Amino acid sequence: MKLVFLNGQPKAGNHLLHHFDRLFNKITFGRSTNGWVLFAAEEKIKKLVRDDFMFLRGHYEWWDFHEQLIRERNCKMILIIRDLRDVITASFRSCRLGNRANAGNDIGKFNSLYDGNQEEFIEDSILDKNKIRNSSGPLYFKNCFLPWTKVDFCHVVKFENLIGSKGGGDDLVQKEELKQVAEFIGLPQTDEWYQKTALEIYTTTAPTFVFGGKVGAWKQYFSKKNIETFEKAAGGLNRKLGYK
């Protein structure tokens, strides 16, 4: 069985990757970081799904032994990245909406901790202070996901390149990005398939979308102080990822 990890930091737009099982007509399994246990149950899974290909989706943090496990099993990984400012914005919106599934176990403390203070929430997220959650912070990305970008079995795809023009991106870029992903994991398709399927990836129904998942939503949330803090703490990292 060929295993492909669909991976990304929380609020990076992982739901775009989760469409791949439907698009490629393959099985997707796993919704949490505990997906590593699937290695131990691989033979059992083979008997259940009777397929030669499976996606494993989740937020898989980098550790040296995780990298070793994937390499030994000859697996591949698709890592989605997103402008780190929009990651923080999506986290803030999710908390304010009271989305417990996406905002962490401490969502009930949001009002008492921040009293609706948007600026304080964003400041804490930038600096990875652990009041609500720090998994949307730049430092968390740097420590737990950035190392994946340096391994040969991982293909990095930008959230902004997958959403197409409806989300503020580009349809031609979206099609080309999908084509590169399909070829990397070993499921190449026809040009007609890419043309038709690329448009099906974008959705406005995902609860983590900010204003329908538009690019640059952070501009409507970050204060001048937030912008200055981000630049000092993670401006260089964000530019390294290709975001100006």
C-alpha atoms as a PDB file:
ATOM      1  CA  MET A   1       0.000   0.000   0.000  1.00  0.00           C
ATOM      2  CA  LYS A   2       1.244   3.461  -0.880  1.00  0.00           C
ATOM      3  CA  LEU A   3       0.768   6.008   1.900  1.00  0.00           C
ATOM      4  CA  VAL A   4       0.759   9.772   1.366  1.00  0.00           C
ATOM      5  CA  PHE A   5       0.602  12.186   4.302  1.00  0.00           C
ATOM      6  CA  LEU A   6      -1.595  15.269   3.809  1.00  0.00           C
ATOM      7  CA  ASN A   7      -0.035  17.612   6.304  1.00  0.00           C
ATOM      8  CA  GLY A   8      -0.062  21.204   7.489  1.00  0.00           C
ATOM      9  CA  GLN A   9      -0.090  23.541  10.465  1.00  0.00           C
ATOM     10  CA  PRO A  10      -3.536  24.082  12.032  1.00  0.00           C
ATOM     11  CA  LYS A  11      -5.439  26.845  10.198  1.00  0.00           C
ATOM     12  CA  ALA A  12      -3.184  26.563   7.144  1.00  0.00           C
ATOM     13  CA  GLY A  13      -6.077  25.394   4.970  1.00  0.00           C
ATOM     14  CA  ASN A  14      -5.678  21.650   5.332  1.00  0.00           C
ATOM     15  CA  HIS A  15      -9.281  21.133   4.250  1.00  0.00           C
ATOM     16  CA  LEU A  16      -8.121  21.869   0.695  1.00  0.00           C
ATOM     17  CA  LEU A  17      -5.898  18.785   0.877  1.00  0.00           C
ATOM     18  CA  HIS A  18      -8.717  16.758   2.360  1.00  0.00           C
ATOM     19  CA  HIS A  19     -10.560  16.967  -0.934  1.00  0.00           C
ATOM     20  CA  PHE A  20      -7.920  14.802  -2.554  1.00  0.00           C
ATOM     21  CA  ASP A  21      -9.539  11.507  -1.601  1.00  0.00           C
ATOM     22  CA  ARG A  22     -12.669  12.470  -3.518  1.00  0.00           C
ATOM     23  CA  LEU A  23     -10.767  14.012  -6.405  1.00  0.00           C
ATOM     24  CA  PHE A  24      -8.532  10.991  -6.888  1.00  0.00           C
ATOM     25  CA  ASN A  25     -11.154   8.453  -5.805  1.00  0.00           C
ATOM     26  CA  LYS A  26      -8.921   7.119  -3.037  1.00  0.00           C
ATOM     27  CA  ILE A  27      -9.247   6.427   0.677  1.00  0.00           C
ATOM     28  CA  THR A  28      -8.344   9.054   3.291  1.00  0.00           C
ATOM     29  CA  PHE A  29      -7.824   8.064   6.910  1.00  0.00           C
ATOM     30  CA  GLY A  30      -6.817   9.868  10.078  1.00  0.00           C
ATOM     31  CA  ARG A  31      -7.938  13.193  11.487  1.00  0.00           C
ATOM     32  CA  SER A  32      -5.357  13.878  14.158  1.00  0.00           C
ATOM     33  CA  THR A  33      -1.673  13.833  14.976  1.00  0.00           C
ATOM     34  CA  ASN A  34      -2.168  10.265  16.211  1.00  0.00           C
ATOM     35  CA  GLY A  35      -2.030   9.063  12.628  1.00  0.00           C
ATOM     36  CA  TRP A  36       1.399   7.594  13.320  1.00  0.00           C
ATOM     37  CA  VAL A  37      -0.263   4.543  14.833  1.00  0.00           C
ATOM     38  CA  LEU A  38      -1.397   3.626  11.330  1.00  0.00           C
ATOM     39  CA  PHE A  39       2.084   2.355  10.643  1.00  0.00           C
ATOM     40  CA  ALA A  40       1.572  -0.370  13.210  1.00  0.00           C
ATOM     41  CA  ALA A  41      -1.843  -1.248  11.787  1.00  0.00           C
ATOM     42  CA  GLU A  42      -0.858  -1.124   8.129  1.00  0.00           C
ATOM     43  CA  GLU A  43      -1.505  -4.809   7.419  1.00  0.00           C
ATOM     44  CA  LYS A  44      -4.918  -4.633   9.100  1.00  0.00           C
ATOM     45  CA  ILE A  45      -5.816  -1.549   7.073  1.00  0.00           C
ATOM     46  CA  LYS A  46      -4.885  -3.316   3.853  1.00  0.00           C
ATOM     47  CA  LYS A  47      -7.463  -6.008   4.587  1.00  0.00           C
ATOM     48  CA  LEU A  48     -10.128  -3.412   5.378  1.00  0.00           C
ATOM     49  CA  VAL A  49      -9.797  -1.009   2.453  1.00  0.00           C
ATOM     50  CA  ARG A  50      -8.496  -3.368  -0.258  1.00  0.00           C
ATOM     51  CA  ASP A  51      -6.792  -0.500  -2.025  1.00  0.00           C
ATOM     52  CA  ASP A  52      -3.200   0.117  -3.069  1.00  0.00           C
ATOM     53  CA  PHE A  53      -3.234   3.806  -2.166  1.00  0.00           C
ATOM     54  CA  MET A  54      -4.224   5.751   0.944  1.00  0.00           C
ATOM     55  CA  PHE A  55      -4.026   9.343   2.157  1.00  0.00           C
ATOM     56  CA  LEU A  56      -3.300  10.047   5.827  1.00  0.00           C
ATOM     57  CA  ARG A  57      -4.479  13.490   6.870  1.00  0.00           C
ATOM     58  CA  GLY A  58      -3.632  15.468   9.966  1.00  0.00           C
ATOM     59  CA  HIS A  59      -1.233  17.924  11.578  1.00  0.00           C
ATOM     60  CA  TYR A  60       1.923  15.831  11.640  1.00  0.00           C
ATOM     61  CA  GLU A  61       4.702  17.569  13.535  1.00  0.00           C
ATOM     62  CA  TRP A  62       8.293  17.011  12.479  1.00  0.00           C
ATOM     63  CA  TRP A  63      10.516  14.923  14.693  1.00  0.00           C
ATOM     64  CA  ASP A  64      13.630  13.137  13.524  1.00  0.00           C
ATOM     65  CA  PHE A  65      12.120   9.710  14.238  1.00  0.00           C
ATOM     66  CA  HIS A  66       8.939  10.681  12.337  1.00  0.00           C
ATOM     67  CA  GLU A  67      11.067  11.526   9.338  1.00  0.00           C
ATOM     68  CA  GLN A  68      12.902   8.232   9.700  1.00  0.00           C
ATOM     69  CA  LEU A  69       9.648   6.250   9.868  1.00  0.00           C
ATOM     70  CA  ILE A  70       8.279   7.845   6.711  1.00  0.00           C
ATOM     71  CA  ARG A  71      11.542   7.385   4.866  1.00  0.00           C
ATOM     72  CA  GLU A  72      11.796   3.732   5.851  1.00  0.00           C
ATOM     73  CA  ARG A  73       8.272   3.058   4.589  1.00  0.00           C
ATOM     74  CA  ASN A  74       8.946   4.970   1.365  1.00  0.00           C
ATOM     75  CA  CYS A  75       5.943   7.245   1.950  1.00  0.00           C
ATOM     76  CA  LYS A  76       5.385  10.715   0.537  1.00  0.00           C
ATOM     77  CA  MET A  77       4.019  13.895   2.025  1.00  0.00           C
ATOM     78  CA  ILE A  78       2.138  16.943   0.788  1.00  0.00           C
ATOM     79  CA  LEU A  79       2.664  19.912   3.103  1.00  0.00           C
ATOM     80  CA  ILE A  80       0.377  22.916   2.745  1.00  0.00           C
ATOM     81  CA  ILE A  81       1.674  26.285   3.916  1.00  0.00           C
ATOM     82  CA  ARG A  82      -0.086  29.625   4.195  1.00  0.00           C
ATOM     83  CA  ASP A  83       0.807  33.225   4.913  1.00  0.00           C
ATOM     84  CA  LEU A  84       1.469  33.025   8.647  1.00  0.00           C
ATOM     85  CA  ARG A  85      -0.518  36.215   9.206  1.00  0.00           C
ATOM     86  CA  ASP A  86      -3.609  34.637   7.674  1.00  0.00           C
ATOM     87  CA  VAL A  87      -3.053  31.516   9.785  1.00  0.00           C
ATOM     88  CA  ILE A  88      -3.308  33.660  12.909  1.00  0.00           C
ATOM     89  CA  THR A  89      -6.347  35.485  11.524  1.00  0.00           C
ATOM     90  CA  ALA A  90      -8.128  32.206  10.796  1.00  0.00           C
ATOM     91  CA  SER A  91      -7.423  31.054  14.348  1.00  0.00           C
ATOM     92  CA  PHE A  92      -8.838  34.267  15.809  1.00  0.00           C
ATOM     93  CA  ARG A  93     -12.001  34.025  13.721  1.00  0.00           C
ATOM     94  CA  SER A  94     -12.466  30.393  14.693  1.00  0.00           C
ATOM     95  CA  CYS A  95     -12.235  31.245  18.383  1.00  0.00           C
ATOM     96  CA  ARG A  96     -14.649  34.153  18.119  1.00  0.00           C
ATOM     97  CA  LEU A  97     -17.155  31.926  16.341  1.00  0.00           C
ATOM     98  CA  GLY A  98     -16.921  29.472  19.231  1.00  0.00           C
ATOM     99  CA  ASN A  99     -15.817  26.618  16.994  1.00  0.00           C
ATOM    100  CA  ARG A 100     -14.626  24.184  19.637  1.00  0.00           C
ATOM    101  CA  ALA A 101     -13.499  21.558  17.150  1.00  0.00           C
ATOM    102  CA  ASN A 102     -11.080  23.972  15.541  1.00  0.00           C
ATOM    103  CA  ALA A 103     -10.191  26.311  18.384  1.00  0.00           C
ATOM    104  CA  GLY A 104      -8.797  23.933  20.964  1.00  0.00           C
ATOM    105  CA  ASN A 105      -9.857  22.820  24.426  1.00  0.00           C
ATOM    106  CA  ASP A 106      -9.487  26.274  25.974  1.00  0.00           C
ATOM    107  CA  ILE A 107     -12.076  28.009  23.798  1.00  0.00           C
ATOM    108  CA  GLY A 108     -14.332  28.454  26.816  1.00  0.00           C
ATOM    109  CA  LYS A 109     -11.706  30.704  28.366  1.00  0.00           C
ATOM    110  CA  PHE A 110     -11.506  33.036  25.378  1.00  0.00           C
ATOM    111  CA  ASN A 111     -13.791  35.784  26.670  1.00  0.00           C
ATOM    112  CA  SER A 112     -12.377  35.768  30.183  1.00  0.00           C
ATOM    113  CA  LEU A 113      -8.784  35.827  28.972  1.00  0.00           C
ATOM    114  CA  TYR A 114      -9.108  38.432  26.258  1.00  0.00           C
ATOM    115  CA  ASP A 115     -12.442  40.130  26.945  1.00  0.00           C
ATOM    116  CA  GLY A 116     -12.901  40.361  23.212  1.00  0.00           C
ATOM    117  CA  ASN A 117      -9.486  42.005  22.798  1.00  0.00           C
ATOM    118  CA  GLN A 118      -8.561  41.184  19.221  1.00  0.00           C
ATOM    119  CA  GLU A 119      -5.167  42.878  19.377  1.00  0.00           C
ATOM    120  CA  GLU A 120      -4.110  40.958  22.469  1.00  0.00           C
ATOM    121  CA  PHE A 121      -5.125  37.634  20.920  1.00  0.00           C
ATOM    122  CA  ILE A 122      -3.101  38.334  17.782  1.00  0.00           C
ATOM    123  CA  GLU A 123      -0.101  39.532  19.810  1.00  0.00           C
ATOM    124  CA  ASP A 124      -0.144  36.337  21.863  1.00  0.00           C
ATOM    125  CA  SER A 125      -0.467  34.194  18.747  1.00  0.00           C
ATOM    126  CA  ILE A 126       2.489  35.900  17.089  1.00  0.00           C
ATOM    127  CA  LEU A 127       4.645  35.362  20.157  1.00  0.00           C
ATOM    128  CA  ASP A 128       3.224  31.862  20.823  1.00  0.00           C
ATOM    129  CA  LYS A 129       1.972  32.631  24.300  1.00  0.00           C
ATOM    130  CA  ASN A 130      -0.139  29.771  25.561  1.00  0.00           C
ATOM    131  CA  LYS A 131      -3.409  31.373  26.625  1.00  0.00           C
ATOM    132  CA  ILE A 132      -5.754  29.851  24.063  1.00  0.00           C
ATOM    133  CA  ARG A 133      -3.508  27.870  21.774  1.00  0.00           C
ATOM    134  CA  ASN A 134      -0.089  28.348  20.278  1.00  0.00           C
ATOM    135  CA  SER A 135      -0.451  25.976  17.326  1.00  0.00           C
ATOM    136  CA  SER A 136      -1.306  28.873  15.001  1.00  0.00           C
ATOM    137  CA  GLY A 137       1.825  30.796  15.897  1.00  0.00           C
ATOM    138  CA  PRO A 138       4.876  31.342  13.653  1.00  0.00           C
ATOM    139  CA  LEU A 139       7.265  29.781  16.161  1.00  0.00           C
ATOM    140  CA  TYR A 140       5.190  26.605  16.218  1.00  0.00           C
ATOM    141  CA  PHE A 141       5.374  26.440  12.433  1.00  0.00           C
ATOM    142  CA  LYS A 142       9.123  27.053  12.482  1.00  0.00           C
ATOM    143  CA  ASN A 143       9.786  24.278  15.004  1.00  0.00           C
ATOM    144  CA  CYS A 144       7.241  21.669  13.977  1.00  0.00           C
ATOM    145  CA  PHE A 145       6.540  22.044  10.244  1.00  0.00           C
ATOM    146  CA  LEU A 146       9.312  24.022   8.557  1.00  0.00           C
ATOM    147  CA  PRO A 147      11.752  21.063   8.786  1.00  0.00           C
ATOM    148  CA  TRP A 148       9.444  19.027   6.522  1.00  0.00           C
ATOM    149  CA  THR A 149      10.166  21.466   3.699  1.00  0.00           C
ATOM    150  CA  LYS A 150      13.766  20.285   3.638  1.00  0.00           C
ATOM    151  CA  VAL A 151      13.160  16.557   3.054  1.00  0.00           C
ATOM    152  CA  ASP A 152      13.023  14.979  -0.385  1.00  0.00           C
ATOM    153  CA  PHE A 153       9.792  13.022   0.126  1.00  0.00           C
ATOM    154  CA  CYS A 154       7.792  16.193   0.910  1.00  0.00           C
ATOM    155  CA  HIS A 155       6.131  18.408  -1.705  1.00  0.00           C
ATOM    156  CA  VAL A 156       5.255  21.891  -0.453  1.00  0.00           C
ATOM    157  CA  VAL A 157       2.119  23.551  -1.801  1.00  0.00           C
ATOM    158  CA  LYS A 158       0.853  27.022  -0.979  1.00  0.00           C
ATOM    159  CA  PHE A 159      -2.715  27.518   0.186  1.00  0.00           C
ATOM    160  CA  GLU A 160      -2.872  30.597  -2.038  1.00  0.00           C
ATOM    161  CA  ASN A 161      -1.970  28.520  -5.100  1.00  0.00           C
ATOM    162  CA  LEU A 162      -4.731  25.981  -4.509  1.00  0.00           C
ATOM    163  CA  ILE A 163      -7.739  28.234  -3.995  1.00  0.00           C
ATOM    164  CA  GLY A 164      -7.960  29.724  -7.493  1.00  0.00           C
ATOM    165  CA  SER A 165      -9.475  33.044  -8.474  1.00  0.00           C
ATOM    166  CA  LYS A 166     -12.544  32.617  -6.234  1.00  0.00           C
ATOM    167  CA  GLY A 167     -10.283  32.903  -3.207  1.00  0.00           C
ATOM    168  CA  GLY A 168      -8.082  35.650  -4.571  1.00  0.00           C
ATOM    169  CA  GLY A 169      -5.649  33.368  -6.401  1.00  0.00           C
ATOM    170  CA  ASP A 170      -5.182  32.415 -10.042  1.00  0.00           C
ATOM    171  CA  ASP A 171      -6.974  29.629 -11.933  1.00  0.00           C
ATOM    172  CA  LEU A 172      -3.977  28.753 -14.116  1.00  0.00           C
ATOM    173  CA  VAL A 173      -1.717  28.564 -11.066  1.00  0.00           C
ATOM    174  CA  GLN A 174      -4.312  26.406  -9.317  1.00  0.00           C
ATOM    175  CA  LYS A 175      -4.410  23.941 -12.201  1.00  0.00           C
ATOM    176  CA  GLU A 176      -0.610  23.765 -12.447  1.00  0.00           C
ATOM    177  CA  GLU A 177      -0.257  23.296  -8.679  1.00  0.00           C
ATOM    178  CA  LEU A 178      -2.715  20.422  -8.691  1.00  0.00           C
ATOM    179  CA  LYS A 179      -0.871  18.852 -11.607  1.00  0.00           C
ATOM    180  CA  GLN A 180       2.447  19.018  -9.740  1.00  0.00           C
ATOM    181  CA  VAL A 181       0.883  17.415  -6.665  1.00  0.00           C
ATOM    182  CA  ALA A 182      -0.677  14.595  -8.691  1.00  0.00           C
ATOM    183  CA  GLU A 183       2.573  13.829 -10.468  1.00  0.00           C
ATOM    184  CA  PHE A 184       4.575  13.960  -7.242  1.00  0.00           C
ATOM    185  CA  ILE A 185       2.417  11.386  -5.464  1.00  0.00           C
ATOM    186  CA  GLY A 186       2.221   9.185  -8.548  1.00  0.00           C
ATOM    187  CA  LEU A 187      -1.369   9.819  -9.677  1.00  0.00           C
ATOM    188  CA  PRO A 188      -0.995  11.806 -12.927  1.00  0.00           C
ATOM    189  CA  GLN A 189      -4.207  12.734 -14.714  1.00  0.00           C
ATOM    190  CA  THR A 190      -5.312  14.117 -18.083  1.00  0.00           C
ATOM    191  CA  ASP A 191      -5.314  17.839 -18.842  1.00  0.00           C
ATOM    192  CA  GLU A 192      -9.108  17.733 -18.994  1.00  0.00           C
ATOM    193  CA  TRP A 193      -9.210  16.280 -15.482  1.00  0.00           C
ATOM    194  CA  TYR A 194      -7.010  19.079 -14.107  1.00  0.00           C
ATOM    195  CA  GLN A 195      -9.146  21.715 -15.796  1.00  0.00           C
ATOM    196  CA  LYS A 196     -12.356  20.341 -14.331  1.00  0.00           C
ATOM    197  CA  THR A 197     -11.111  19.229 -10.948  1.00  0.00           C
ATOM    198  CA  ALA A 198      -9.089  22.278  -9.927  1.00  0.00           C
ATOM    199  CA  LEU A 199     -12.288  24.287  -9.620  1.00  0.00           C
ATOM    200  CA  GLU A 200     -13.761  21.750  -7.184  1.00  0.00           C
ATOM    201  CA  ILE A 201     -11.061  22.202  -4.552  1.00  0.00           C
ATOM    202  CA  TYR A 202     -12.165  25.635  -3.360  1.00  0.00           C
ATOM    203  CA  THR A 203     -15.051  25.828  -0.910  1.00  0.00           C
ATOM    204  CA  THR A 204     -16.463  28.589   1.246  1.00  0.00           C
ATOM    205  CA  THR A 205     -18.129  26.193   3.672  1.00  0.00           C
ATOM    206  CA  ALA A 206     -15.016  25.331   5.708  1.00  0.00           C
ATOM    207  CA  PRO A 207     -15.338  26.972   9.163  1.00  0.00           C
ATOM    208  CA  THR A 208     -11.717  28.134   9.170  1.00  0.00           C
ATOM    209  CA  PHE A 209     -12.120  30.264   6.055  1.00  0.00           C
ATOM    210  CA  VAL A 210     -11.858  33.981   6.719  1.00  0.00           C
ATOM    211  CA  PHE A 211     -14.144  35.940   4.394  1.00  0.00           C
ATOM    212  CA  GLY A 212     -14.414  32.876   2.194  1.00  0.00           C
ATOM    213  CA  GLY A 213     -10.704  32.121   2.358  1.00  0.00           C
ATOM    214  CA  LYS A 214      -9.562  35.257   0.596  1.00  0.00           C
ATOM    215  CA  VAL A 215      -5.856  35.965   0.385  1.00  0.00           C
ATOM    216  CA  GLY A 216      -4.575  38.675   2.729  1.00  0.00           C
ATOM    217  CA  ALA A 217      -7.472  38.656   5.218  1.00  0.00           C
ATOM    218  CA  TRP A 218      -4.971  39.572   7.939  1.00  0.00           C
ATOM    219  CA  LYS A 219      -4.992  43.167   6.644  1.00  0.00           C
ATOM    220  CA  GLN A 220      -8.482  43.608   8.079  1.00  0.00           C
ATOM    221  CA  TYR A 221      -7.499  42.250  11.503  1.00  0.00           C
ATOM    222  CA  PHE A 222      -3.926  43.254  12.293  1.00  0.00           C
ATOM    223  CA  SER A 223      -3.399  46.566  14.079  1.00  0.00           C
ATOM    224  CA  LYS A 224      -0.279  48.645  13.512  1.00  0.00           C
ATOM    225  CA  LYS A 225       1.155  47.146  16.684  1.00  0.00           C
ATOM    226  CA  ASN A 226       0.384  43.613  15.453  1.00  0.00           C
ATOM    227  CA  ILE A 227       2.140  44.316  12.163  1.00  0.00           C
ATOM    228  CA  GLU A 228       5.225  45.627  13.960  1.00  0.00           C
ATOM    229  CA  THR A 229       5.293  42.661  16.343  1.00  0.00           C
ATOM    230  CA  PHE A 230       4.931  40.188  13.499  1.00  0.00           C
ATOM    231  CA  GLU A 231       7.706  41.812  11.496  1.00  0.00           C
ATOM    232  CA  LYS A 232      10.100  41.564  14.414  1.00  0.00           C
ATOM    233  CA  ALA A 233       9.133  38.010  15.375  1.00  0.00           C
ATOM    234  CA  ALA A 234       8.423  36.316  12.056  1.00  0.00           C
ATOM    235  CA  GLY A 235       8.781  38.720   9.147  1.00  0.00           C
ATOM    236  CA  GLY A 236      11.938  37.022   7.924  1.00  0.00           C
ATOM    237  CA  LEU A 237      10.400  33.555   8.215  1.00  0.00           C
ATOM    238  CA  ASN A 238       7.292  34.613   6.291  1.00  0.00           C
ATOM    239  CA  ARG A 239       9.412  36.083   3.496  1.00  0.00           C
ATOM    240  CA  LYS A 240      11.424  32.894   3.398  1.00  0.00           C
ATOM    241  CA  LEU A 241       8.161  31.081   2.658  1.00  0.00           C
ATOM    242  CA  GLY A 242       7.547  33.486  -0.206  1.00  0.00           C
ATOM    243  CA  TYR A 243       5.199  36.004   1.389  1.00  0.00           C
ATOM    244  CA  LYS A 244       5.955  39.702   1.122  1.00  0.00           C
END
